[in-house]
Structures are given as structure tokens and as C-alpha cells.
């Protein structure tokens, strides 16, 4: 009789330990998943800000005192800028929708797959944005400057814009995009190690 009681007590203690381990594992998993979730929320806020840019753009144009003029140069510049702006805006909307699809209640494999898709899209979107930005800048210059563009002051201004553009490109790809997703993947890997 004592042996059976000891066996029952042993099994009961074993169940309690198993339940406690599962509970601790789940608590640790939730604590670790909170970090990437916060990062994704910040990325979502930035992407949401990009979605609101059509509201900000007219205000920015008013601050810059852009006046509509009845010249061919102005309308060519406006057309170039508008086409590129709408293309970039459509990419920003798709990016925001991809971020909203990430659900941290899914399995780790699904989260990692969603993050990989998001990272690829972010890199592609940023690369195309930087490729199209000089053309958009030409459109802006055509709209703003009605006098001849190729004088000494404007060439110096163009060189400064190109230098800032190249530095921005370097920083964005070297630190911003790759680092952000590297940290996210590392944090998700920690959660995956806990699940194993």
C-alpha cells in the first residue's frame, strides 16, 4: 500500500513539475517575444507616418511657397514628381499592409517567414526609392526654379544634394535596414531556442 501511495505522490509531483516547466517556458517566451513585438510596432508607426504623407505634402509645399505656374517646365516637373511620388506611396502602403500581417501569436516559423518577407520587401522598396529619388529631385527643381538651372550656384547645390544623397544611401543600407532586421531575427531566434 505504501508503494502505491508513493507512486501516486511521485506521479502527482511529476505532473506539477511538468506544468510548472511549461508555465515558466511560456512566461519566458512571452517576455522574449515582447522585444521584437515592440520593434515591429515602431516599424509600423514609421510606416504609418509614410502613409500619412499625402496630408503632409501639401503643407510642405505651402511652407516652400511653391506656386503653380503656367509653364511647360513647371508641368513637366510636376508630372515627374507626381508619378514617382505615387509609385513610392503605393510601395509604402504595401509595406504597411505586410507589417500588419505579422502576428506574434503565430508559430515561430511563421513569424520568421513573415519577417524574412518584410525584410526583402523593405530592402527592395528602399533600393528603388533611392534609385527614383534623383529623378524626383529633377522634377522638384523643374517646378521650383524657373530660371536656367545650370549656373555656378545651382551646380554647387546639386553637388551638395548628391553628396547628402550618397551618405544617406550608405547609412540606410549599412545601419538602418540590415541592423534592424538582424536584431529582430536574433530576438526571434532566442524565442525559437526556448520553444525547442
N, C-alpha and C. Protein backbone atom coordinates (compact mmCIF):
# COMPACT_ATOMS: atom_id res chain seq x y z
N UNK A 1 0.82 -1.20 0.00
CA UNK A 1 0.00 0.00 0.00
C UNK A 1 0.86 1.26 0.00
N UNK A 2 1.94 1.24 0.74
CA UNK A 2 2.81 2.40 0.80
C UNK A 2 3.49 2.66 -0.54
N UNK A 3 3.84 1.61 -1.25
CA UNK A 3 4.48 1.74 -2.54
C UNK A 3 3.55 2.39 -3.56
N UNK A 4 2.29 2.00 -3.56
CA UNK A 4 1.30 2.59 -4.47
C UNK A 4 1.07 4.06 -4.12
N UNK A 5 1.00 4.36 -2.84
CA UNK A 5 0.84 5.76 -2.42
C UNK A 5 2.05 6.58 -2.84
N UNK A 6 3.24 6.03 -2.64
CA UNK A 6 4.45 6.73 -3.06
C UNK A 6 4.47 6.95 -4.58
N UNK A 7 4.02 5.95 -5.33
CA UNK A 7 3.94 6.08 -6.79
C UNK A 7 2.98 7.18 -7.19
N UNK A 8 1.83 7.23 -6.54
CA UNK A 8 0.83 8.27 -6.83
C UNK A 8 1.36 9.66 -6.48
N UNK A 9 2.02 9.76 -5.32
CA UNK A 9 2.61 11.04 -4.92
C UNK A 9 3.68 11.45 -5.93
N UNK A 10 4.47 10.46 -6.34
CA UNK A 10 5.53 10.72 -7.33
C UNK A 10 4.94 11.23 -8.65
N UNK A 11 3.89 10.59 -9.13
CA UNK A 11 3.24 10.99 -10.39
C UNK A 11 2.62 12.38 -10.25
N UNK A 12 2.03 12.63 -9.10
CA UNK A 12 1.43 13.95 -8.87
C UNK A 12 2.49 15.04 -8.87
N UNK A 13 3.61 14.79 -8.20
CA UNK A 13 4.71 15.75 -8.18
C UNK A 13 5.30 15.95 -9.59
N UNK A 14 5.38 14.84 -10.33
CA UNK A 14 5.89 14.90 -11.70
C UNK A 14 4.99 15.78 -12.58
N UNK A 15 3.68 15.66 -12.42
CA UNK A 15 2.73 16.50 -13.17
C UNK A 15 2.89 17.96 -12.79
N UNK A 16 3.06 18.22 -11.50
CA UNK A 16 3.23 19.60 -11.05
C UNK A 16 4.51 20.21 -11.63
N UNK A 17 5.58 19.43 -11.62
CA UNK A 17 6.85 19.92 -12.18
C UNK A 17 6.70 20.18 -13.67
N UNK A 18 6.05 19.26 -14.39
CA UNK A 18 5.83 19.43 -15.83
C UNK A 18 5.00 20.68 -16.11
N UNK A 19 3.93 20.85 -15.34
CA UNK A 19 3.09 22.05 -15.50
C UNK A 19 3.88 23.32 -15.20
N UNK A 20 4.68 23.27 -14.15
CA UNK A 20 5.49 24.42 -13.78
C UNK A 20 6.51 24.75 -14.88
N UNK A 21 7.14 23.73 -15.44
CA UNK A 21 8.10 23.95 -16.53
C UNK A 21 7.42 24.57 -17.75
N UNK A 22 6.25 24.03 -18.10
CA UNK A 22 5.50 24.58 -19.24
C UNK A 22 5.12 26.04 -19.00
N UNK A 23 4.68 26.32 -17.78
CA UNK A 23 4.28 27.67 -17.43
C UNK A 23 5.49 28.62 -17.48
N UNK A 24 6.61 28.19 -16.91
CA UNK A 24 7.82 29.01 -16.94
C UNK A 24 8.32 29.24 -18.37
N UNK A 25 8.23 28.20 -19.18
CA UNK A 25 8.64 28.32 -20.58
C UNK A 25 7.77 29.34 -21.31
N UNK A 26 6.46 29.29 -21.06
CA UNK A 26 5.53 30.20 -21.71
C UNK A 26 5.77 31.64 -21.24
N UNK A 27 6.03 31.82 -19.95
CA UNK A 27 6.32 33.16 -19.42
C UNK A 27 7.59 33.71 -20.06
N UNK A 28 8.63 32.88 -20.13
CA UNK A 28 9.89 33.30 -20.74
C UNK A 28 9.69 33.61 -22.22
N UNK A 29 8.91 32.80 -22.90
CA UNK A 29 8.62 33.02 -24.32
C UNK A 29 7.92 34.36 -24.53
N UNK A 30 6.94 34.65 -23.69
CA UNK A 30 6.22 35.92 -23.81
C UNK A 30 7.12 37.11 -23.51
N UNK A 31 8.01 36.94 -22.55
CA UNK A 31 8.95 38.03 -22.24
C UNK A 31 9.89 38.28 -23.41
N UNK A 32 10.37 37.19 -24.02
CA UNK A 32 11.29 37.34 -25.14
C UNK A 32 10.59 37.85 -26.40
N UNK A 33 9.34 37.48 -26.60
CA UNK A 33 8.60 37.90 -27.79
C UNK A 33 8.21 39.38 -27.70
N UNK A 34 8.22 39.93 -26.48
CA UNK A 34 7.85 41.35 -26.30
C UNK A 34 8.84 42.28 -26.99
N UNK A 35 10.14 41.91 -27.01
CA UNK A 35 11.15 42.77 -27.65
C UNK A 35 10.89 42.93 -29.15
N UNK A 36 10.82 41.82 -29.91
CA UNK A 36 10.56 42.01 -31.35
C UNK A 36 9.20 42.63 -31.63
N UNK A 37 8.25 42.38 -30.76
CA UNK A 37 6.92 42.98 -30.95
C UNK A 37 6.99 44.50 -30.83
N UNK A 38 7.78 44.99 -29.87
CA UNK A 38 7.97 46.44 -29.73
C UNK A 38 8.67 47.02 -30.94
N UNK A 39 9.68 46.30 -31.44
CA UNK A 39 10.40 46.78 -32.64
C UNK A 39 9.46 46.86 -33.84
N UNK A 40 8.64 45.84 -34.00
CA UNK A 40 7.69 45.83 -35.12
C UNK A 40 6.69 46.97 -34.95
N UNK A 41 6.29 47.25 -33.73
CA UNK A 41 5.36 48.36 -33.51
C UNK A 41 5.98 49.69 -33.92
N UNK A 42 7.29 49.88 -33.63
CA UNK A 42 7.96 51.12 -34.06
C UNK A 42 8.05 51.18 -35.58
N UNK A 43 8.35 50.04 -36.21
CA UNK A 43 8.40 50.00 -37.67
C UNK A 43 7.02 50.31 -38.24
N UNK A 44 5.99 49.80 -37.57
CA UNK A 44 4.61 50.06 -38.01
C UNK A 44 4.26 51.54 -37.89
N UNK A 45 4.72 52.18 -36.82
CA UNK A 45 4.45 53.61 -36.63
C UNK A 45 5.14 54.42 -37.73
N UNK A 46 6.40 54.08 -38.04
CA UNK A 46 7.11 54.78 -39.11
C UNK A 46 6.42 54.57 -40.46
N UNK A 47 5.97 53.34 -40.71
CA UNK A 47 5.27 53.06 -41.97
C UNK A 47 3.94 53.80 -42.01
N UNK A 48 3.27 53.90 -40.87
CA UNK A 48 2.02 54.66 -40.80
C UNK A 48 2.24 56.14 -41.08
N UNK A 49 3.36 56.66 -40.61
CA UNK A 49 3.71 58.05 -40.89
C UNK A 49 3.89 58.26 -42.39
N UNK A 50 4.53 57.28 -43.07
CA UNK A 50 4.69 57.37 -44.52
C UNK A 50 3.34 57.33 -45.23
N UNK A 51 2.38 56.61 -44.66
CA UNK A 51 1.04 56.55 -45.25
C UNK A 51 0.36 57.92 -45.15
N UNK A 52 0.67 58.66 -44.10
CA UNK A 52 0.06 59.97 -43.90
C UNK A 52 0.73 61.08 -44.71
N UNK A 53 1.76 60.73 -45.47
CA UNK A 53 2.50 61.75 -46.21
C UNK A 53 1.66 62.55 -47.21
N UNK A 54 0.59 62.01 -47.82
CA UNK A 54 -0.21 62.88 -48.70
C UNK A 54 -0.86 64.05 -47.96
N UNK A 55 -1.04 63.92 -46.66
CA UNK A 55 -1.58 65.02 -45.87
C UNK A 55 -0.46 66.04 -45.60
N UNK A 56 0.75 65.54 -45.36
CA UNK A 56 1.88 66.39 -45.01
C UNK A 56 2.44 67.11 -46.25
N UNK A 57 2.38 66.46 -47.41
CA UNK A 57 2.96 67.03 -48.63
C UNK A 57 2.38 68.39 -48.99
N UNK A 58 1.06 68.60 -49.01
CA UNK A 58 0.56 69.95 -49.33
C UNK A 58 1.03 71.01 -48.34
N UNK A 59 1.12 70.64 -47.06
CA UNK A 59 1.61 71.58 -46.05
C UNK A 59 3.06 71.95 -46.34
N UNK A 60 3.86 70.94 -46.70
CA UNK A 60 5.26 71.17 -47.04
C UNK A 60 5.38 72.06 -48.27
N UNK A 61 4.52 71.84 -49.26
CA UNK A 61 4.55 72.68 -50.47
C UNK A 61 4.16 74.12 -50.15
N UNK A 62 3.23 74.30 -49.20
CA UNK A 62 2.85 75.66 -48.81
C UNK A 62 3.99 76.35 -48.07
N UNK A 63 4.70 75.59 -47.22
CA UNK A 63 5.83 76.17 -46.49
C UNK A 63 6.93 76.58 -47.47
N UNK A 64 7.16 75.74 -48.50
CA UNK A 64 8.19 76.05 -49.50
C UNK A 64 7.72 77.13 -50.48
N UNK A 65 6.45 77.53 -50.35
CA UNK A 65 5.86 78.58 -51.20
C UNK A 65 5.94 78.24 -52.68
N UNK A 66 5.56 76.98 -52.98
CA UNK A 66 5.52 76.56 -54.37
C UNK A 66 4.26 77.15 -54.99
N UNK A 67 4.44 77.86 -56.09
CA UNK A 67 3.30 78.47 -56.77
C UNK A 67 3.13 77.79 -58.12
N UNK A 68 1.87 77.47 -58.43
CA UNK A 68 1.59 76.87 -59.72
C UNK A 68 1.78 77.93 -60.80
N UNK A 69 2.55 77.56 -61.80
CA UNK A 69 2.84 78.48 -62.88
C UNK A 69 2.44 77.83 -64.20
N UNK A 70 2.09 78.63 -65.13
CA UNK A 70 1.61 78.13 -66.42
C UNK A 70 2.76 77.97 -67.41
N UNK A 71 3.80 77.24 -66.98
CA UNK A 71 4.92 77.00 -67.89
C UNK A 71 5.05 75.50 -68.12
N UNK A 72 5.60 75.19 -69.26
CA UNK A 72 5.81 73.78 -69.60
C UNK A 72 6.79 73.14 -68.63
N UNK A 73 7.83 73.86 -68.29
CA UNK A 73 8.84 73.33 -67.36
C UNK A 73 8.21 72.96 -66.02
N UNK A 74 7.31 73.79 -65.52
CA UNK A 74 6.65 73.51 -64.24
C UNK A 74 5.81 72.24 -64.33
N UNK A 75 5.03 72.09 -65.39
CA UNK A 75 4.15 70.93 -65.51
C UNK A 75 4.94 69.64 -65.78
N UNK A 76 6.04 69.74 -66.49
CA UNK A 76 6.90 68.56 -66.67
C UNK A 76 7.46 68.13 -65.32
N UNK A 77 7.97 69.10 -64.55
CA UNK A 77 8.50 68.80 -63.21
C UNK A 77 7.43 68.22 -62.29
N UNK A 78 6.23 68.80 -62.34
CA UNK A 78 5.13 68.31 -61.51
C UNK A 78 4.75 66.88 -61.90
N UNK A 79 4.71 66.62 -63.20
CA UNK A 79 4.38 65.27 -63.68
C UNK A 79 5.41 64.24 -63.24
N UNK A 80 6.69 64.58 -63.40
CA UNK A 80 7.76 63.66 -62.98
C UNK A 80 7.66 63.38 -61.49
N UNK A 81 7.53 64.45 -60.71
CA UNK A 81 7.48 64.29 -59.26
C UNK A 81 6.24 63.49 -58.84
N UNK A 82 5.09 63.78 -59.42
CA UNK A 82 3.84 63.11 -59.02
C UNK A 82 3.88 61.61 -59.34
N UNK A 83 4.39 61.24 -60.50
CA UNK A 83 4.46 59.82 -60.87
C UNK A 83 5.36 59.06 -59.91
N UNK A 84 6.51 59.62 -59.61
CA UNK A 84 7.44 58.94 -58.69
C UNK A 84 6.88 58.93 -57.27
N UNK A 85 6.28 60.02 -56.85
CA UNK A 85 5.70 60.09 -55.52
C UNK A 85 4.59 59.04 -55.35
N UNK A 86 3.73 58.89 -56.34
CA UNK A 86 2.64 57.90 -56.25
C UNK A 86 3.18 56.48 -56.26
N UNK A 87 4.23 56.22 -57.03
CA UNK A 87 4.85 54.89 -57.05
C UNK A 87 5.40 54.55 -55.67
N UNK A 88 6.13 55.48 -55.08
CA UNK A 88 6.70 55.26 -53.74
C UNK A 88 5.59 55.11 -52.71
N UNK A 89 4.53 55.89 -52.85
CA UNK A 89 3.41 55.82 -51.91
C UNK A 89 2.73 54.45 -51.97
N UNK A 90 2.55 53.91 -53.15
CA UNK A 90 1.94 52.58 -53.29
C UNK A 90 2.82 51.53 -52.62
N UNK A 91 4.14 51.63 -52.78
CA UNK A 91 5.06 50.70 -52.10
C UNK A 91 4.95 50.85 -50.59
N UNK A 92 4.82 52.07 -50.10
CA UNK A 92 4.68 52.29 -48.66
C UNK A 92 3.40 51.66 -48.11
N UNK A 93 2.32 51.76 -48.87
CA UNK A 93 1.05 51.15 -48.43
C UNK A 93 1.19 49.63 -48.37
N UNK A 94 1.82 49.04 -49.40
CA UNK A 94 2.03 47.58 -49.39
C UNK A 94 2.91 47.16 -48.21
N UNK A 95 3.93 47.95 -47.92
CA UNK A 95 4.82 47.67 -46.80
C UNK A 95 4.06 47.71 -45.48
N UNK A 96 3.21 48.70 -45.32
CA UNK A 96 2.40 48.82 -44.10
C UNK A 96 1.47 47.61 -43.96
N UNK A 97 0.87 47.17 -45.06
CA UNK A 97 -0.01 46.01 -45.01
C UNK A 97 0.76 44.74 -44.67
N UNK A 98 2.00 44.62 -45.15
CA UNK A 98 2.83 43.47 -44.79
C UNK A 98 3.14 43.47 -43.29
N UNK A 99 3.42 44.63 -42.74
CA UNK A 99 3.72 44.73 -41.30
C UNK A 99 2.49 44.32 -40.48
N UNK A 100 1.33 44.77 -40.92
CA UNK A 100 0.10 44.45 -40.18
C UNK A 100 -0.21 42.96 -40.18
N UNK A 101 0.31 42.22 -41.15
CA UNK A 101 0.05 40.78 -41.22
C UNK A 101 0.84 39.98 -40.18
N UNK A 102 1.89 40.57 -39.64
CA UNK A 102 2.72 39.85 -38.67
C UNK A 102 1.95 39.71 -37.37
N UNK A 103 1.75 38.48 -36.96
CA UNK A 103 1.01 38.18 -35.73
C UNK A 103 1.91 37.35 -34.83
N UNK A 104 2.22 37.88 -33.66
CA UNK A 104 3.14 37.19 -32.76
C UNK A 104 2.50 36.04 -31.99
N UNK A 105 1.23 35.78 -32.24
CA UNK A 105 0.62 34.60 -31.64
C UNK A 105 0.80 33.39 -32.56
N UNK A 106 1.30 33.61 -33.77
CA UNK A 106 1.58 32.51 -34.69
C UNK A 106 2.80 31.74 -34.22
N UNK A 107 3.08 30.65 -34.93
CA UNK A 107 4.27 29.87 -34.60
C UNK A 107 5.52 30.67 -34.97
N UNK A 108 6.63 30.29 -34.36
CA UNK A 108 7.89 31.00 -34.59
C UNK A 108 8.30 30.90 -36.06
N UNK A 109 8.07 29.75 -36.66
CA UNK A 109 8.42 29.57 -38.06
C UNK A 109 7.64 30.54 -38.96
N UNK A 110 6.36 30.72 -38.67
CA UNK A 110 5.53 31.65 -39.43
C UNK A 110 6.00 33.09 -39.23
N UNK A 111 6.36 33.44 -37.99
CA UNK A 111 6.85 34.79 -37.69
C UNK A 111 8.15 35.05 -38.44
N UNK A 112 9.07 34.06 -38.41
CA UNK A 112 10.35 34.22 -39.10
C UNK A 112 10.14 34.37 -40.60
N UNK A 113 9.20 33.61 -41.15
CA UNK A 113 8.92 33.71 -42.59
C UNK A 113 8.35 35.09 -42.92
N UNK A 114 7.44 35.58 -42.09
CA UNK A 114 6.86 36.92 -42.31
C UNK A 114 7.93 38.00 -42.21
N UNK A 115 8.84 37.87 -41.24
CA UNK A 115 9.91 38.85 -41.10
C UNK A 115 10.87 38.81 -42.29
N UNK A 116 11.13 37.61 -42.82
CA UNK A 116 12.00 37.50 -43.99
C UNK A 116 11.37 38.18 -45.20
N UNK A 117 10.06 37.97 -45.38
CA UNK A 117 9.34 38.63 -46.48
C UNK A 117 9.37 40.14 -46.28
N UNK A 118 9.14 40.58 -45.06
CA UNK A 118 9.14 42.02 -44.75
C UNK A 118 10.52 42.64 -45.01
N UNK A 119 11.58 41.93 -44.61
CA UNK A 119 12.94 42.43 -44.81
C UNK A 119 13.25 42.54 -46.30
N UNK A 120 12.91 41.52 -47.08
CA UNK A 120 13.17 41.57 -48.52
C UNK A 120 12.42 42.73 -49.16
N UNK A 121 11.17 42.90 -48.78
CA UNK A 121 10.38 43.98 -49.36
C UNK A 121 10.93 45.34 -48.95
N UNK A 122 11.37 45.46 -47.69
CA UNK A 122 11.93 46.72 -47.21
C UNK A 122 13.19 47.08 -47.97
N UNK A 123 14.06 46.11 -48.20
CA UNK A 123 15.30 46.36 -48.93
C UNK A 123 14.98 46.75 -50.38
N UNK A 124 14.06 46.02 -51.00
CA UNK A 124 13.68 46.31 -52.39
C UNK A 124 13.05 47.70 -52.50
N UNK A 125 12.14 48.00 -51.58
CA UNK A 125 11.46 49.29 -51.58
C UNK A 125 12.46 50.44 -51.40
N UNK A 126 13.37 50.28 -50.47
CA UNK A 126 14.36 51.33 -50.20
C UNK A 126 15.31 51.49 -51.38
N UNK A 127 15.72 50.38 -51.98
CA UNK A 127 16.62 50.46 -53.13
C UNK A 127 15.96 51.22 -54.28
N UNK A 128 14.70 50.86 -54.59
CA UNK A 128 14.01 51.55 -55.67
C UNK A 128 13.74 53.02 -55.33
N UNK A 129 13.47 53.27 -54.07
CA UNK A 129 13.25 54.67 -53.65
C UNK A 129 14.50 55.50 -53.90
N UNK A 130 15.66 54.96 -53.55
CA UNK A 130 16.90 55.69 -53.78
C UNK A 130 17.24 55.80 -55.26
N UNK A 131 16.82 54.83 -56.06
CA UNK A 131 17.06 54.92 -57.49
C UNK A 131 16.16 55.98 -58.14
N UNK A 132 14.93 56.12 -57.64
CA UNK A 132 13.98 57.07 -58.22
C UNK A 132 14.11 58.48 -57.66
N UNK A 133 14.72 58.61 -56.50
CA UNK A 133 14.79 59.91 -55.85
C UNK A 133 15.50 60.98 -56.68
N UNK A 134 16.62 60.67 -57.38
CA UNK A 134 17.23 61.73 -58.20
C UNK A 134 16.28 62.25 -59.29
N UNK A 135 15.47 61.36 -59.85
CA UNK A 135 14.51 61.78 -60.88
C UNK A 135 13.45 62.69 -60.25
N UNK A 136 13.00 62.33 -59.04
CA UNK A 136 12.03 63.17 -58.34
C UNK A 136 12.63 64.54 -58.02
N UNK A 137 13.92 64.54 -57.66
CA UNK A 137 14.58 65.82 -57.36
C UNK A 137 14.65 66.69 -58.61
N UNK A 138 14.87 66.08 -59.76
CA UNK A 138 14.86 66.84 -61.01
C UNK A 138 13.49 67.47 -61.22
N UNK A 139 12.44 66.69 -60.93
CA UNK A 139 11.08 67.22 -61.04
C UNK A 139 10.86 68.41 -60.11
N UNK A 140 11.36 68.30 -58.89
CA UNK A 140 11.22 69.40 -57.92
C UNK A 140 11.97 70.64 -58.40
N UNK A 141 13.20 70.43 -58.90
CA UNK A 141 13.98 71.57 -59.39
C UNK A 141 13.30 72.23 -60.59
N UNK A 142 12.70 71.42 -61.45
CA UNK A 142 11.98 71.99 -62.59
C UNK A 142 10.77 72.82 -62.13
N UNK A 143 10.13 72.37 -61.04
CA UNK A 143 8.98 73.12 -60.53
C UNK A 143 9.41 74.41 -59.84
N UNK A 144 10.47 74.34 -59.06
CA UNK A 144 10.84 75.47 -58.21
C UNK A 144 11.67 76.54 -58.93
N UNK A 145 12.58 76.11 -59.76
CA UNK A 145 13.49 77.06 -60.38
C UNK A 145 13.06 77.33 -61.81
N UNK A 146 12.58 78.51 -62.04
CA UNK A 146 12.13 78.89 -63.38
C UNK A 146 13.24 79.50 -64.22
N UNK A 147 14.29 79.92 -63.59
CA UNK A 147 15.42 80.46 -64.35
C UNK A 147 16.33 79.29 -64.75
N UNK A 148 17.32 79.54 -65.58
CA UNK A 148 18.20 78.45 -66.03
C UNK A 148 18.83 77.71 -64.84
N UNK A 149 18.83 76.41 -64.94
CA UNK A 149 19.28 75.57 -63.82
C UNK A 149 20.80 75.46 -63.77
N UNK A 150 21.46 75.53 -64.90
CA UNK A 150 22.89 75.24 -64.93
C UNK A 150 23.75 76.50 -64.82
N UNK A 151 23.78 77.05 -63.62
CA UNK A 151 24.73 78.12 -63.32
C UNK A 151 25.61 77.66 -62.16
N UNK A 152 26.57 78.45 -61.76
CA UNK A 152 27.54 78.02 -60.74
C UNK A 152 26.88 77.68 -59.42
N UNK A 153 25.95 78.50 -58.96
CA UNK A 153 25.29 78.25 -57.67
C UNK A 153 24.48 76.96 -57.69
N UNK A 154 23.77 76.73 -58.77
CA UNK A 154 22.93 75.52 -58.83
C UNK A 154 23.78 74.26 -58.96
N UNK A 155 24.91 74.35 -59.65
CA UNK A 155 25.79 73.17 -59.76
C UNK A 155 26.37 72.82 -58.39
N UNK A 156 26.78 73.82 -57.62
CA UNK A 156 27.27 73.56 -56.25
C UNK A 156 26.15 72.96 -55.41
N UNK A 157 24.95 73.49 -55.56
CA UNK A 157 23.80 72.95 -54.82
C UNK A 157 23.53 71.50 -55.22
N UNK A 158 23.59 71.19 -56.53
CA UNK A 158 23.40 69.81 -57.00
C UNK A 158 24.46 68.88 -56.42
N UNK A 159 25.70 69.34 -56.37
CA UNK A 159 26.78 68.51 -55.82
C UNK A 159 26.53 68.22 -54.34
N UNK A 160 26.11 69.24 -53.58
CA UNK A 160 25.81 69.03 -52.17
C UNK A 160 24.63 68.06 -51.99
N UNK A 161 23.62 68.19 -52.81
CA UNK A 161 22.47 67.28 -52.74
C UNK A 161 22.91 65.85 -53.03
N UNK A 162 23.75 65.68 -54.05
CA UNK A 162 24.24 64.33 -54.40
C UNK A 162 25.08 63.75 -53.27
N UNK A 163 25.93 64.56 -52.64
CA UNK A 163 26.74 64.07 -51.52
C UNK A 163 25.86 63.63 -50.34
N UNK A 164 24.88 64.46 -50.00
CA UNK A 164 23.95 64.09 -48.92
C UNK A 164 23.19 62.83 -49.29
N UNK A 165 22.80 62.73 -50.53
CA UNK A 165 22.07 61.56 -51.02
C UNK A 165 22.91 60.29 -50.89
N UNK A 166 24.18 60.35 -51.29
CA UNK A 166 25.07 59.19 -51.21
C UNK A 166 25.32 58.80 -49.76
N UNK A 167 25.54 59.78 -48.88
CA UNK A 167 25.74 59.47 -47.46
C UNK A 167 24.49 58.86 -46.84
N UNK A 168 23.35 59.36 -47.22
CA UNK A 168 22.09 58.81 -46.73
C UNK A 168 21.89 57.38 -47.21
N UNK A 169 22.24 57.13 -48.45
CA UNK A 169 22.14 55.78 -49.02
C UNK A 169 23.04 54.81 -48.26
N UNK A 170 24.28 55.23 -48.01
CA UNK A 170 25.23 54.40 -47.29
C UNK A 170 24.72 54.09 -45.87
N UNK A 171 24.29 55.12 -45.17
CA UNK A 171 23.81 54.92 -43.80
C UNK A 171 22.59 54.02 -43.77
N UNK A 172 21.65 54.24 -44.67
CA UNK A 172 20.41 53.46 -44.68
C UNK A 172 20.68 51.98 -44.87
N UNK A 173 21.52 51.65 -45.84
CA UNK A 173 21.77 50.24 -46.10
C UNK A 173 22.75 49.62 -45.12
N UNK A 174 23.71 50.38 -44.67
CA UNK A 174 24.71 49.82 -43.75
C UNK A 174 24.16 49.62 -42.35
N UNK A 175 23.41 50.59 -41.84
CA UNK A 175 23.00 50.55 -40.44
C UNK A 175 21.50 50.38 -40.25
N UNK A 176 20.73 51.06 -41.00
CA UNK A 176 19.30 51.13 -40.71
C UNK A 176 18.57 49.83 -41.01
N UNK A 177 18.57 49.41 -42.26
CA UNK A 177 17.75 48.25 -42.65
C UNK A 177 18.34 46.95 -42.13
N UNK A 178 19.60 46.67 -42.49
CA UNK A 178 20.18 45.38 -42.14
C UNK A 178 20.30 45.19 -40.64
N UNK A 179 20.69 46.23 -39.91
CA UNK A 179 20.82 46.12 -38.46
C UNK A 179 19.48 45.86 -37.79
N UNK A 180 18.46 46.57 -38.24
CA UNK A 180 17.14 46.43 -37.63
C UNK A 180 16.64 44.99 -37.77
N UNK A 181 16.75 44.43 -38.97
CA UNK A 181 16.26 43.08 -39.18
C UNK A 181 17.20 42.03 -38.57
N UNK A 182 18.48 42.35 -38.47
CA UNK A 182 19.42 41.44 -37.82
C UNK A 182 19.05 41.29 -36.34
N UNK A 183 18.75 42.40 -35.69
CA UNK A 183 18.36 42.37 -34.27
C UNK A 183 17.03 41.63 -34.11
N UNK A 184 16.08 41.90 -35.00
CA UNK A 184 14.79 41.21 -34.94
C UNK A 184 14.96 39.71 -35.09
N UNK A 185 15.76 39.28 -36.06
CA UNK A 185 15.97 37.85 -36.27
C UNK A 185 16.68 37.20 -35.08
N UNK A 186 17.59 37.93 -34.46
CA UNK A 186 18.29 37.41 -33.28
C UNK A 186 17.30 37.21 -32.13
N UNK A 187 16.42 38.18 -31.93
CA UNK A 187 15.44 38.06 -30.85
C UNK A 187 14.46 36.92 -31.11
N UNK A 188 14.05 36.76 -32.36
CA UNK A 188 13.15 35.65 -32.70
C UNK A 188 13.86 34.32 -32.52
N UNK A 189 15.17 34.28 -32.83
CA UNK A 189 15.95 33.05 -32.64
C UNK A 189 15.99 32.66 -31.16
N UNK A 190 16.09 33.65 -30.27
CA UNK A 190 16.07 33.36 -28.84
C UNK A 190 14.75 32.70 -28.43
N UNK A 191 13.65 33.21 -28.98
CA UNK A 191 12.34 32.63 -28.68
C UNK A 191 12.26 31.20 -29.24
N UNK A 192 12.82 31.02 -30.43
CA UNK A 192 12.80 29.68 -31.04
C UNK A 192 13.61 28.70 -30.21
N UNK A 193 14.72 29.14 -29.64
CA UNK A 193 15.54 28.26 -28.79
C UNK A 193 14.78 27.85 -27.53
N UNK A 194 13.95 28.75 -27.02
CA UNK A 194 13.14 28.42 -25.84
C UNK A 194 12.10 27.37 -26.18
N UNK A 195 11.53 27.47 -27.38
CA UNK A 195 10.48 26.52 -27.78
C UNK A 195 11.00 25.12 -27.99
N UNK A 196 12.31 25.00 -28.28
CA UNK A 196 12.86 23.65 -28.55
C UNK A 196 13.02 22.82 -27.31
